[in-house]
Amino acid sequence: MAGRPAAPVHITNNVLPGNMLAAYECRPRDIYDSMNDDMQWLIWLAEHRVIVNKNDCANCQRPMSLVRRTESPDGYSWKCVRCNTRTSIRTGSFFDHCLLSTQKIVMMLYYWIYEVKCKHVMLFENIDSWDTIVKYNNFFRMQCHNWLQTEQVELGGFDANGQPTYIEVDETYFLHRKYHRGRHRRGKWVVGIIERVSGRTWMEVVRRRDAATLRRIVEAHVLAGSIIVTDEWAGYANVNQWNNGTYQHEVVVHARMFVDEHHPDIHTETIEGFWMHAKRKLRYQSGTSRALFASYLSEFQWRFRHKACLFGKYLKMLSYNYQT
């Protein structure tokens, strides 16, 4: 006599590989259509690597079964058939410790990625609390920050033709008052590096912009052989001696010119434009928390690096952050 079929130990057999996930594009309607029932939604989450597709019991080290659980906000949970241990489908994922429904969080994330205004997101998703939307936006932003802290960013070196790559290095001041308007407060110095051809970047908040600080950052993120272009700031005086003398150094004296008329590749226009975009982004935020300033820079770097398929690339980043 046939019994009840065994509960599955996998949610789906179609988890997207990283390259396909990074190329994923969709409209809000596509996501809403996946929310028709609990199981269909779990499959979407597992396929897009937002939750784990299988789970092993911490006690028995055996695969847990996916079982229906009406009292769970997600409709399902993991259960060990040997020791009866239960685990939420959110455990170890992006949703761990989140109180809102996974459906609402994913839609808030989607709208955040595409920079929809908070007041509109609150209307679309029936969110009453401004604090809630701010809290989750900060949470989404911190994912970029966490990812960037583990990312090995190495810029420059030589291109495919064996030619040295141009790197621009500069510093700028954020969060200070301008034109003597507003309450006086100290700003924050940020050192920036940009690889001219690819647009890949590194930004770092620093207490001081002296030669020792600049050297530490450049040697950590710029490969040997690069052509480093800077302004005339004294901290860059000995760049050609850094990293055992493996850098070429070109200087633009802005008091005389912005682009060398004899060597048009000698300029810092790329990073100056980069600073302009970064500061415009912060102004668009209508105020930023000084305590979260580093995470705002990380978000900007992530967006600057990823120009297309943002939602898919963010999901890929989550799978990296949470090993799902």
C-alpha atoms as a PDB file:
ATOM      1  CA  MET A   1       0.000   0.000   0.000  1.00  0.00           C
ATOM      2  CA  ALA A   2       1.462   3.319  -1.010  1.00  0.00           C
ATOM      3  CA  GLY A   3       2.037   5.759   1.801  1.00  0.00           C
ATOM      4  CA  ARG A   4       2.333   9.497   1.867  1.00  0.00           C
ATOM      5  CA  PRO A   5       5.225  10.681  -0.361  1.00  0.00           C
ATOM      6  CA  ALA A   6       8.340  11.773   1.499  1.00  0.00           C
ATOM      7  CA  ALA A   7       8.754  15.486   2.062  1.00  0.00           C
ATOM      8  CA  PRO A   8      11.324  17.038  -0.290  1.00  0.00           C
ATOM      9  CA  VAL A   9      14.798  17.915   0.938  1.00  0.00           C
ATOM     10  CA  HIS A  10      15.241  20.513  -1.826  1.00  0.00           C
ATOM     11  CA  ILE A  11      12.938  23.397  -2.665  1.00  0.00           C
ATOM     12  CA  THR A  12      13.777  23.377  -6.368  1.00  0.00           C
ATOM     13  CA  ASN A  13      16.038  21.668  -8.902  1.00  0.00           C
ATOM     14  CA  ASN A  14      16.590  24.875 -10.852  1.00  0.00           C
ATOM     15  CA  VAL A  15      18.872  27.147  -8.824  1.00  0.00           C
ATOM     16  CA  LEU A  16      20.320  29.802 -11.130  1.00  0.00           C
ATOM     17  CA  PRO A  17      24.112  29.818 -11.539  1.00  0.00           C
ATOM     18  CA  GLY A  18      25.908  33.059 -10.748  1.00  0.00           C
ATOM     19  CA  ASN A  19      26.284  34.275 -14.338  1.00  0.00           C
ATOM     20  CA  MET A  20      22.590  33.750 -15.116  1.00  0.00           C
ATOM     21  CA  LEU A  21      21.571  35.397 -11.854  1.00  0.00           C
ATOM     22  CA  ALA A  22      23.724  38.452 -12.608  1.00  0.00           C
ATOM     23  CA  ALA A  23      21.972  38.806 -15.995  1.00  0.00           C
ATOM     24  CA  TYR A  24      18.470  38.470 -14.521  1.00  0.00           C
ATOM     25  CA  GLU A  25      16.047  41.275 -15.344  1.00  0.00           C
ATOM     26  CA  CYS A  26      12.374  41.559 -14.455  1.00  0.00           C
ATOM     27  CA  ARG A  27       9.465  43.928 -13.946  1.00  0.00           C
ATOM     28  CA  PRO A  28       7.568  44.307 -10.668  1.00  0.00           C
ATOM     29  CA  ARG A  29       4.657  42.391 -12.217  1.00  0.00           C
ATOM     30  CA  ASP A  30       6.925  39.384 -12.827  1.00  0.00           C
ATOM     31  CA  ILE A  31       7.757  39.205  -9.128  1.00  0.00           C
ATOM     32  CA  TYR A  32       4.173  39.763  -7.994  1.00  0.00           C
ATOM     33  CA  ASP A  33       3.073  36.882 -10.255  1.00  0.00           C
ATOM     34  CA  SER A  34       5.384  34.555  -8.308  1.00  0.00           C
ATOM     35  CA  MET A  35       3.575  35.381  -5.065  1.00  0.00           C
ATOM     36  CA  ASN A  36       0.348  33.535  -5.933  1.00  0.00           C
ATOM     37  CA  ASP A  37       0.971  30.822  -3.336  1.00  0.00           C
ATOM     38  CA  ASP A  38       3.537  30.053  -0.642  1.00  0.00           C
ATOM     39  CA  MET A  39       5.286  27.196  -2.450  1.00  0.00           C
ATOM     40  CA  GLN A  40       5.564  29.073  -5.720  1.00  0.00           C
ATOM     41  CA  TRP A  41       7.119  31.984  -3.851  1.00  0.00           C
ATOM     42  CA  LEU A  42       9.597  29.736  -2.001  1.00  0.00           C
ATOM     43  CA  ILE A  43      10.658  28.291  -5.337  1.00  0.00           C
ATOM     44  CA  TRP A  44      11.279  31.801  -6.697  1.00  0.00           C
ATOM     45  CA  LEU A  45      13.387  32.693  -3.645  1.00  0.00           C
ATOM     46  CA  ALA A  46      15.429  29.486  -3.838  1.00  0.00           C
ATOM     47  CA  GLU A  47      15.903  29.698  -7.616  1.00  0.00           C
ATOM     48  CA  HIS A  48      17.252  33.233  -7.229  1.00  0.00           C
ATOM     49  CA  ARG A  49      19.442  32.195  -4.292  1.00  0.00           C
ATOM     50  CA  VAL A  50      17.862  34.521  -1.742  1.00  0.00           C
ATOM     51  CA  ILE A  51      17.248  31.575   0.618  1.00  0.00           C
ATOM     52  CA  VAL A  52      19.032  28.228   0.909  1.00  0.00           C
ATOM     53  CA  ASN A  53      17.709  25.469  -1.333  1.00  0.00           C
ATOM     54  CA  LYS A  54      18.454  22.731   1.228  1.00  0.00           C
ATOM     55  CA  ASN A  55      19.323  22.618   4.904  1.00  0.00           C
ATOM     56  CA  ASP A  56      21.190  20.123   7.080  1.00  0.00           C
ATOM     57  CA  CYS A  57      20.166  19.491  10.684  1.00  0.00           C
ATOM     58  CA  ALA A  58      22.643  21.043  13.124  1.00  0.00           C
ATOM     59  CA  ASN A  59      22.175  18.073  15.486  1.00  0.00           C
ATOM     60  CA  CYS A  60      22.055  15.068  13.118  1.00  0.00           C
ATOM     61  CA  GLN A  61      23.983  16.491  10.160  1.00  0.00           C
ATOM     62  CA  ARG A  62      21.262  14.987   7.922  1.00  0.00           C
ATOM     63  CA  PRO A  63      19.237  16.733   5.213  1.00  0.00           C
ATOM     64  CA  MET A  64      16.125  18.357   6.651  1.00  0.00           C
ATOM     65  CA  SER A  65      12.726  18.044   4.977  1.00  0.00           C
ATOM     66  CA  LEU A  66      10.619  20.947   3.760  1.00  0.00           C
ATOM     67  CA  VAL A  67       7.233  20.670   5.485  1.00  0.00           C
ATOM     68  CA  ARG A  68       4.069  22.698   5.547  1.00  0.00           C
ATOM     69  CA  ARG A  69       3.662  24.783   8.698  1.00  0.00           C
ATOM     70  CA  THR A  70       0.608  26.996   8.855  1.00  0.00           C
ATOM     71  CA  GLU A  71       1.790  28.925  11.923  1.00  0.00           C
ATOM     72  CA  SER A  72       4.943  30.029  10.099  1.00  0.00           C
ATOM     73  CA  PRO A  73       4.701  33.421   8.340  1.00  0.00           C
ATOM     74  CA  ASP A  74       6.300  31.761   5.301  1.00  0.00           C
ATOM     75  CA  GLY A  75       3.941  28.763   5.218  1.00  0.00           C
ATOM     76  CA  TYR A  76       6.788  26.240   5.360  1.00  0.00           C
ATOM     77  CA  SER A  77       9.751  25.327   7.541  1.00  0.00           C
ATOM     78  CA  TRP A  78      12.621  22.835   7.588  1.00  0.00           C
ATOM     79  CA  LYS A  79      12.164  19.771   9.802  1.00  0.00           C
ATOM     80  CA  CYS A  80      14.521  16.962  10.741  1.00  0.00           C
ATOM     81  CA  VAL A  81      12.591  13.668  10.608  1.00  0.00           C
ATOM     82  CA  ARG A  82      15.055  12.056  13.025  1.00  0.00           C
ATOM     83  CA  CYS A  83      15.144  14.544  15.937  1.00  0.00           C
ATOM     84  CA  ASN A  84      12.130  16.748  15.069  1.00  0.00           C
ATOM     85  CA  THR A  85      14.264  19.896  15.033  1.00  0.00           C
ATOM     86  CA  ARG A  86      12.582  22.719  13.098  1.00  0.00           C
ATOM     87  CA  THR A  87      14.278  25.624  11.373  1.00  0.00           C
ATOM     88  CA  SER A  88      12.834  28.625   9.582  1.00  0.00           C
ATOM     89  CA  ILE A  89      13.376  28.852   5.841  1.00  0.00           C
ATOM     90  CA  ARG A  90      14.869  32.287   6.608  1.00  0.00           C
ATOM     91  CA  THR A  91      17.700  30.946   8.788  1.00  0.00           C
ATOM     92  CA  GLY A  92      21.105  32.021   7.519  1.00  0.00           C
ATOM     93  CA  SER A  93      19.620  34.084   4.713  1.00  0.00           C
ATOM     94  CA  PHE A  94      19.083  37.728   3.848  1.00  0.00           C
ATOM     95  CA  PHE A  95      15.734  37.534   5.710  1.00  0.00           C
ATOM     96  CA  ASP A  96      17.133  36.187   8.982  1.00  0.00           C
ATOM     97  CA  HIS A  97      15.770  38.300  11.908  1.00  0.00           C
ATOM     98  CA  CYS A  98      13.543  40.362   9.565  1.00  0.00           C
ATOM     99  CA  LEU A  99       9.957  40.823  10.776  1.00  0.00           C
ATOM    100  CA  LEU A 100       8.202  41.782   7.552  1.00  0.00           C
ATOM    101  CA  SER A 101       7.012  39.212   5.025  1.00  0.00           C
ATOM    102  CA  THR A 102       9.597  38.069   2.501  1.00  0.00           C
ATOM    103  CA  GLN A 103       7.312  39.299  -0.292  1.00  0.00           C
ATOM    104  CA  LYS A 104       7.239  42.819   1.070  1.00  0.00           C
ATOM    105  CA  ILE A 105      10.993  42.887   1.710  1.00  0.00           C
ATOM    106  CA  VAL A 106      11.803  41.758  -1.840  1.00  0.00           C
ATOM    107  CA  MET A 107       9.561  44.433  -3.334  1.00  0.00           C
ATOM    108  CA  MET A 108      11.051  47.110  -1.074  1.00  0.00           C
ATOM    109  CA  LEU A 109      14.485  45.933  -2.216  1.00  0.00           C
ATOM    110  CA  TYR A 110      13.458  46.051  -5.879  1.00  0.00           C
ATOM    111  CA  TYR A 111      12.221  49.621  -5.578  1.00  0.00           C
ATOM    112  CA  TRP A 112      15.305  50.654  -3.583  1.00  0.00           C
ATOM    113  CA  ILE A 113      17.612  49.273  -6.264  1.00  0.00           C
ATOM    114  CA  TYR A 114      15.820  51.314  -8.923  1.00  0.00           C
ATOM    115  CA  GLU A 115      15.745  54.390  -6.647  1.00  0.00           C
ATOM    116  CA  VAL A 116      11.989  54.776  -6.401  1.00  0.00           C
ATOM    117  CA  LYS A 117      11.106  57.484  -3.876  1.00  0.00           C
ATOM    118  CA  CYS A 118      10.349  56.218  -0.383  1.00  0.00           C
ATOM    119  CA  LYS A 119       6.914  57.846  -0.265  1.00  0.00           C
ATOM    120  CA  HIS A 120       5.925  55.920  -3.395  1.00  0.00           C
ATOM    121  CA  VAL A 121       7.241  52.613  -2.017  1.00  0.00           C
ATOM    122  CA  MET A 122       5.218  53.170   1.153  1.00  0.00           C
ATOM    123  CA  LEU A 123       2.128  53.639  -0.992  1.00  0.00           C
ATOM    124  CA  PHE A 124       2.796  50.628  -3.257  1.00  0.00           C
ATOM    125  CA  GLU A 125       3.522  48.234  -0.378  1.00  0.00           C
ATOM    126  CA  ASN A 126       1.123  49.662   2.201  1.00  0.00           C
ATOM    127  CA  ILE A 127       3.852  50.634   4.679  1.00  0.00           C
ATOM    128  CA  ASP A 128       2.700  53.062   7.353  1.00  0.00           C
ATOM    129  CA  SER A 129       5.964  53.764   9.163  1.00  0.00           C
ATOM    130  CA  TRP A 130       8.654  56.023   7.758  1.00  0.00           C
ATOM    131  CA  ASP A 131      11.107  54.454  10.233  1.00  0.00           C
ATOM    132  CA  THR A 132      10.445  51.047   8.687  1.00  0.00           C
ATOM    133  CA  ILE A 133      11.348  52.114   5.169  1.00  0.00           C
ATOM    134  CA  VAL A 134      14.462  53.945   6.388  1.00  0.00           C
ATOM    135  CA  LYS A 135      15.553  50.930   8.453  1.00  0.00           C
ATOM    136  CA  TYR A 136      15.269  48.544   5.517  1.00  0.00           C
ATOM    137  CA  ASN A 137      16.937  50.956   3.100  1.00  0.00           C
ATOM    138  CA  ASN A 138      19.884  51.116   5.498  1.00  0.00           C
ATOM    139  CA  PHE A 139      19.862  47.314   5.643  1.00  0.00           C
ATOM    140  CA  PHE A 140      19.920  47.061   1.836  1.00  0.00           C
ATOM    141  CA  ARG A 141      22.771  49.569   1.698  1.00  0.00           C
ATOM    142  CA  MET A 142      24.827  47.671   4.282  1.00  0.00           C
ATOM    143  CA  GLN A 143      24.804  44.622   2.008  1.00  0.00           C
ATOM    144  CA  CYS A 144      26.846  46.667  -0.482  1.00  0.00           C
ATOM    145  CA  HIS A 145      29.185  47.712   2.314  1.00  0.00           C
ATOM    146  CA  ASN A 146      29.656  44.147   3.601  1.00  0.00           C
ATOM    147  CA  TRP A 147      30.341  42.877   0.090  1.00  0.00           C
ATOM    148  CA  LEU A 148      32.871  45.613  -0.628  1.00  0.00           C
ATOM    149  CA  GLN A 149      34.794  44.898   2.583  1.00  0.00           C
ATOM    150  CA  THR A 150      35.473  41.342   1.394  1.00  0.00           C
ATOM    151  CA  GLU A 151      36.077  42.238  -2.251  1.00  0.00           C
ATOM    152  CA  GLN A 152      39.703  42.230  -3.347  1.00  0.00           C
ATOM    153  CA  VAL A 153      39.834  45.422  -5.423  1.00  0.00           C
ATOM    154  CA  GLU A 154      42.970  45.581  -7.539  1.00  0.00           C
ATOM    155  CA  LEU A 155      43.124  48.278 -10.194  1.00  0.00           C
ATOM    156  CA  GLY A 156      45.468  49.064 -13.045  1.00  0.00           C
ATOM    157  CA  GLY A 157      48.453  47.036 -14.114  1.00  0.00           C
ATOM    158  CA  PHE A 158      48.685  46.242 -17.840  1.00  0.00           C
ATOM    159  CA  ASP A 159      45.939  45.889 -20.431  1.00  0.00           C
ATOM    160  CA  ALA A 160      45.432  43.031 -22.906  1.00  0.00           C
ATOM    161  CA  ASN A 161      47.990  44.625 -25.260  1.00  0.00           C
ATOM    162  CA  GLY A 162      50.640  44.866 -22.571  1.00  0.00           C
ATOM    163  CA  GLN A 163      50.257  48.631 -22.193  1.00  0.00           C
ATOM    164  CA  PRO A 164      50.198  50.245 -18.728  1.00  0.00           C
ATOM    165  CA  THR A 165      46.760  51.279 -17.489  1.00  0.00           C
ATOM    166  CA  TYR A 166      45.934  54.829 -16.434  1.00  0.00           C
ATOM    167  CA  ILE A 167      44.819  55.231 -12.824  1.00  0.00           C
ATOM    168  CA  GLU A 168      43.589  58.517 -11.365  1.00  0.00           C
ATOM    169  CA  VAL A 169      43.933  59.194  -7.637  1.00  0.00           C
ATOM    170  CA  ASP A 170      42.422  62.137  -5.780  1.00  0.00           C
ATOM    171  CA  GLU A 171      40.898  63.169  -2.453  1.00  0.00           C
ATOM    172  CA  THR A 172      37.808  65.223  -1.711  1.00  0.00           C
ATOM    173  CA  TYR A 173      35.851  66.542   1.257  1.00  0.00           C
ATOM    174  CA  PHE A 174      32.297  65.402   2.050  1.00  0.00           C
ATOM    175  CA  LEU A 175      29.603  66.493   4.527  1.00  0.00           C
ATOM    176  CA  HIS A 176      31.025  69.952   5.253  1.00  0.00           C
ATOM    177  CA  ARG A 177      29.049  73.156   4.916  1.00  0.00           C
ATOM    178  CA  LYS A 178      29.619  75.168   1.761  1.00  0.00           C
ATOM    179  CA  TYR A 179      29.650  78.916   1.204  1.00  0.00           C
ATOM    180  CA  HIS A 180      29.391  79.455   4.995  1.00  0.00           C
ATOM    181  CA  ARG A 181      25.764  78.342   4.934  1.00  0.00           C
ATOM    182  CA  GLY A 182      24.170  76.142   7.575  1.00  0.00           C
ATOM    183  CA  ARG A 183      25.494  74.799  10.866  1.00  0.00           C
ATOM    184  CA  HIS A 184      29.260  74.452  11.057  1.00  0.00           C
ATOM    185  CA  ARG A 185      30.443  70.846  11.177  1.00  0.00           C
ATOM    186  CA  ARG A 186      33.553  68.969  10.247  1.00  0.00           C
ATOM    187  CA  GLY A 187      33.446  67.014   7.037  1.00  0.00           C
ATOM    188  CA  LYS A 188      35.111  63.750   6.051  1.00  0.00           C
ATOM    189  CA  TRP A 189      38.044  63.252   3.725  1.00  0.00           C
ATOM    190  CA  VAL A 190      37.681  60.503   1.145  1.00  0.00           C
ATOM    191  CA  VAL A 191      40.454  59.106  -1.031  1.00  0.00           C
ATOM    192  CA  GLY A 192      39.321  57.829  -4.410  1.00  0.00           C
ATOM    193  CA  ILE A 193      40.984  55.695  -7.092  1.00  0.00           C
ATOM    194  CA  ILE A 194      39.497  55.048 -10.525  1.00  0.00           C
ATOM    195  CA  GLU A 195      40.676  52.837 -13.376  1.00  0.00           C
ATOM    196  CA  ARG A 196      40.067  55.028 -16.366  1.00  0.00           C
ATOM    197  CA  VAL A 197      39.051  52.498 -19.038  1.00  0.00           C
ATOM    198  CA  SER A 198      36.913  50.124 -16.962  1.00  0.00           C
ATOM    199  CA  GLY A 199      35.509  52.645 -14.480  1.00  0.00           C
ATOM    200  CA  ARG A 200      36.291  50.319 -11.553  1.00  0.00           C
ATOM    201  CA  THR A 201      36.842  52.266  -8.353  1.00  0.00           C
ATOM    202  CA  TRP A 202      37.890  52.266  -4.745  1.00  0.00           C
ATOM    203  CA  MET A 203      36.833  54.872  -2.157  1.00  0.00           C
ATOM    204  CA  GLU A 204      37.992  55.044   1.435  1.00  0.00           C
ATOM    205  CA  VAL A 205      37.187  57.424   4.304  1.00  0.00           C
ATOM    206  CA  VAL A 206      40.388  58.670   5.946  1.00  0.00           C
ATOM    207  CA  ARG A 207      41.237  60.841   8.933  1.00  0.00           C
ATOM    208  CA  ARG A 208      44.078  62.554   7.127  1.00  0.00           C
ATOM    209  CA  ARG A 209      45.349  62.726   3.578  1.00  0.00           C
ATOM    210  CA  ASP A 210      49.069  62.644   4.272  1.00  0.00           C
ATOM    211  CA  ALA A 211      51.625  60.737   2.226  1.00  0.00           C
ATOM    212  CA  ALA A 212      51.615  57.697   4.527  1.00  0.00           C
ATOM    213  CA  THR A 213      47.822  57.290   4.239  1.00  0.00           C
ATOM    214  CA  LEU A 214      47.815  57.791   0.478  1.00  0.00           C
ATOM    215  CA  ARG A 215      50.669  55.355   0.001  1.00  0.00           C
ATOM    216  CA  ARG A 216      48.946  52.652   2.067  1.00  0.00           C
ATOM    217  CA  ILE A 217      45.753  52.897   0.003  1.00  0.00           C
ATOM    218  CA  VAL A 218      47.478  53.082  -3.384  1.00  0.00           C
ATOM    219  CA  GLU A 219      49.783  50.148  -2.704  1.00  0.00           C
ATOM    220  CA  ALA A 220      46.829  48.073  -1.436  1.00  0.00           C
ATOM    221  CA  HIS A 221      44.684  48.617  -4.540  1.00  0.00           C
ATOM    222  CA  VAL A 222      46.863  49.653  -7.516  1.00  0.00           C
ATOM    223  CA  LEU A 223      48.871  47.024  -9.373  1.00  0.00           C
ATOM    224  CA  ALA A 224      52.497  47.459 -10.367  1.00  0.00           C
ATOM    225  CA  GLY A 225      53.158  49.039 -13.748  1.00  0.00           C
ATOM    226  CA  SER A 226      50.212  51.440 -13.614  1.00  0.00           C
ATOM    227  CA  ILE A 227      50.443  55.060 -14.724  1.00  0.00           C
ATOM    228  CA  ILE A 228      49.124  57.043 -11.757  1.00  0.00           C
ATOM    229  CA  VAL A 229      47.822  60.527 -12.510  1.00  0.00           C
ATOM    230  CA  THR A 230      47.329  62.944  -9.595  1.00  0.00           C
ATOM    231  CA  ASP A 231      47.138  66.630  -8.889  1.00  0.00           C
ATOM    232  CA  GLU A 232      50.015  68.549  -7.308  1.00  0.00           C
ATOM    233  CA  TRP A 233      49.121  67.753  -3.670  1.00  0.00           C
ATOM    234  CA  ALA A 234      52.342  67.239  -1.666  1.00  0.00           C
ATOM    235  CA  GLY A 235      51.233  63.821  -0.437  1.00  0.00           C
ATOM    236  CA  TYR A 236      51.815  62.443  -3.951  1.00  0.00           C
ATOM    237  CA  ALA A 237      55.361  63.797  -4.299  1.00  0.00           C
ATOM    238  CA  ASN A 238      57.046  60.390  -4.228  1.00  0.00           C
ATOM    239  CA  VAL A 239      54.493  58.159  -5.980  1.00  0.00           C
ATOM    240  CA  ASN A 240      57.122  56.921  -8.440  1.00  0.00           C
ATOM    241  CA  GLN A 241      59.050  55.504  -5.457  1.00  0.00           C
ATOM    242  CA  TRP A 242      56.093  53.631  -3.955  1.00  0.00           C
ATOM    243  CA  ASN A 243      55.674  49.865  -4.329  1.00  0.00           C
ATOM    244  CA  ASN A 244      59.419  49.519  -4.977  1.00  0.00           C
ATOM    245  CA  GLY A 245      59.314  52.093  -7.750  1.00  0.00           C
ATOM    246  CA  THR A 246      56.909  50.142  -9.982  1.00  0.00           C
ATOM    247  CA  TYR A 247      54.518  53.047 -10.704  1.00  0.00           C
ATOM    248  CA  GLN A 248      54.792  55.754 -13.321  1.00  0.00           C
ATOM    249  CA  HIS A 249      53.622  59.111 -11.999  1.00  0.00           C
ATOM    250  CA  GLU A 250      52.140  62.016 -13.940  1.00  0.00           C
ATOM    251  CA  VAL A 251      51.087  65.286 -12.308  1.00  0.00           C
ATOM    252  CA  VAL A 252      48.441  67.790 -13.394  1.00  0.00           C
ATOM    253  CA  VAL A 253      48.990  71.279 -11.949  1.00  0.00           C
ATOM    254  CA  HIS A 254      45.448  72.629 -11.859  1.00  0.00           C
ATOM    255  CA  ALA A 255      46.640  76.199 -11.351  1.00  0.00           C
ATOM    256  CA  ARG A 256      47.983  76.044 -14.912  1.00  0.00           C
ATOM    257  CA  MET A 257      45.807  73.495 -16.738  1.00  0.00           C
ATOM    258  CA  PHE A 258      43.289  70.692 -16.348  1.00  0.00           C
ATOM    259  CA  VAL A 259      44.436  68.636 -19.361  1.00  0.00           C
ATOM    260  CA  ASP A 260      48.024  68.554 -20.605  1.00  0.00           C
ATOM    261  CA  GLU A 261      47.849  70.030 -24.098  1.00  0.00           C
ATOM    262  CA  HIS A 262      50.836  67.990 -25.256  1.00  0.00           C
ATOM    263  CA  HIS A 263      49.726  64.735 -23.592  1.00  0.00           C
ATOM    264  CA  PRO A 264      45.904  64.609 -23.496  1.00  0.00           C
ATOM    265  CA  ASP A 265      45.952  61.403 -21.425  1.00  0.00           C
ATOM    266  CA  ILE A 266      47.444  63.341 -18.521  1.00  0.00           C
ATOM    267  CA  HIS A 267      44.372  64.602 -16.647  1.00  0.00           C
ATOM    268  CA  THR A 268      42.161  63.868 -13.631  1.00  0.00           C
ATOM    269  CA  GLU A 269      38.859  64.638 -15.335  1.00  0.00           C
ATOM    270  CA  THR A 270      37.556  61.094 -14.823  1.00  0.00           C
ATOM    271  CA  ILE A 271      37.825  61.141 -11.059  1.00  0.00           C
ATOM    272  CA  GLU A 272      36.605  64.732 -10.854  1.00  0.00           C
ATOM    273  CA  GLY A 273      33.450  63.609 -12.663  1.00  0.00           C
ATOM    274  CA  PHE A 274      33.256  60.642 -10.308  1.00  0.00           C
ATOM    275  CA  TRP A 275      33.263  62.986  -7.286  1.00  0.00           C
ATOM    276  CA  MET A 276      30.557  65.106  -8.903  1.00  0.00           C
ATOM    277  CA  HIS A 277      28.282  62.064  -9.327  1.00  0.00           C
ATOM    278  CA  ALA A 278      28.969  60.865  -5.769  1.00  0.00           C
ATOM    279  CA  LYS A 279      28.095  64.215  -4.200  1.00  0.00           C
ATOM    280  CA  ARG A 280      25.026  64.576  -6.379  1.00  0.00           C
ATOM    281  CA  LYS A 281      23.876  61.147  -5.197  1.00  0.00           C
ATOM    282  CA  LEU A 282      24.245  62.200  -1.552  1.00  0.00           C
ATOM    283  CA  ARG A 283      22.341  65.415  -2.175  1.00  0.00           C
ATOM    284  CA  TYR A 284      19.555  63.347  -3.736  1.00  0.00           C
ATOM    285  CA  GLN A 285      19.309  61.444  -0.435  1.00  0.00           C
ATOM    286  CA  SER A 286      18.101  64.702   1.205  1.00  0.00           C
ATOM    287  CA  GLY A 287      20.404  64.211   4.146  1.00  0.00           C
ATOM    288  CA  THR A 288      22.687  61.389   5.187  1.00  0.00           C
ATOM    289  CA  SER A 289      23.617  59.914   8.549  1.00  0.00           C
ATOM    290  CA  ARG A 290      27.248  60.614   9.389  1.00  0.00           C
ATOM    291  CA  ALA A 291      27.419  57.268  11.195  1.00  0.00           C
ATOM    292  CA  LEU A 292      26.359  55.497   7.970  1.00  0.00           C
ATOM    293  CA  PHE A 293      28.500  57.594   5.640  1.00  0.00           C
ATOM    294  CA  ALA A 294      30.833  54.711   4.752  1.00  0.00           C
ATOM    295  CA  SER A 295      27.848  52.583   3.711  1.00  0.00           C
ATOM    296  CA  TYR A 296      26.581  55.394   1.454  1.00  0.00           C
ATOM    297  CA  LEU A 297      29.965  55.406  -0.288  1.00  0.00           C
ATOM    298  CA  SER A 298      29.805  51.620  -0.657  1.00  0.00           C
ATOM    299  CA  GLU A 299      26.347  51.840  -2.209  1.00  0.00           C
ATOM    300  CA  PHE A 300      27.558  54.467  -4.646  1.00  0.00           C
ATOM    301  CA  GLN A 301      30.563  52.336  -5.628  1.00  0.00           C
ATOM    302  CA  TRP A 302      28.345  49.298  -6.158  1.00  0.00           C
ATOM    303  CA  ARG A 303      25.931  51.274  -8.351  1.00  0.00           C
ATOM    304  CA  PHE A 304      28.777  52.946 -10.254  1.00  0.00           C
ATOM    305  CA  ARG A 305      30.321  49.561 -11.030  1.00  0.00           C
ATOM    306  CA  HIS A 306      27.056  47.889 -12.065  1.00  0.00           C
ATOM    307  CA  LYS A 307      25.186  49.770 -14.750  1.00  0.00           C
ATOM    308  CA  ALA A 308      22.750  47.116 -16.050  1.00  0.00           C
ATOM    309  CA  CYS A 309      20.702  44.222 -14.622  1.00  0.00           C
ATOM    310  CA  LEU A 310      20.950  45.826 -11.196  1.00  0.00           C
ATOM    311  CA  PHE A 311      18.375  43.603  -9.526  1.00  0.00           C
ATOM    312  CA  GLY A 312      20.046  40.404 -10.723  1.00  0.00           C
ATOM    313  CA  LYS A 313      23.501  41.645  -9.763  1.00  0.00           C
ATOM    314  CA  TYR A 314      22.234  42.581  -6.300  1.00  0.00           C
ATOM    315  CA  LEU A 315      20.750  39.088  -5.858  1.00  0.00           C
ATOM    316  CA  LYS A 316      24.103  37.612  -6.884  1.00  0.00           C
ATOM    317  CA  MET A 317      25.794  39.797  -4.264  1.00  0.00           C
ATOM    318  CA  LEU A 318      23.354  38.507  -1.625  1.00  0.00           C
ATOM    319  CA  SER A 319      24.180  34.917  -2.568  1.00  0.00           C
ATOM    320  CA  TYR A 320      27.836  35.784  -2.065  1.00  0.00           C
ATOM    321  CA  ASN A 321      27.230  37.548   1.263  1.00  0.00           C
ATOM    322  CA  TYR A 322      25.112  34.735   2.685  1.00  0.00           C
ATOM    323  CA  GLN A 323      26.568  31.731   0.815  1.00  0.00           C
ATOM    324  CA  THR A 324      23.113  30.693  -0.432  1.00  0.00           C
END
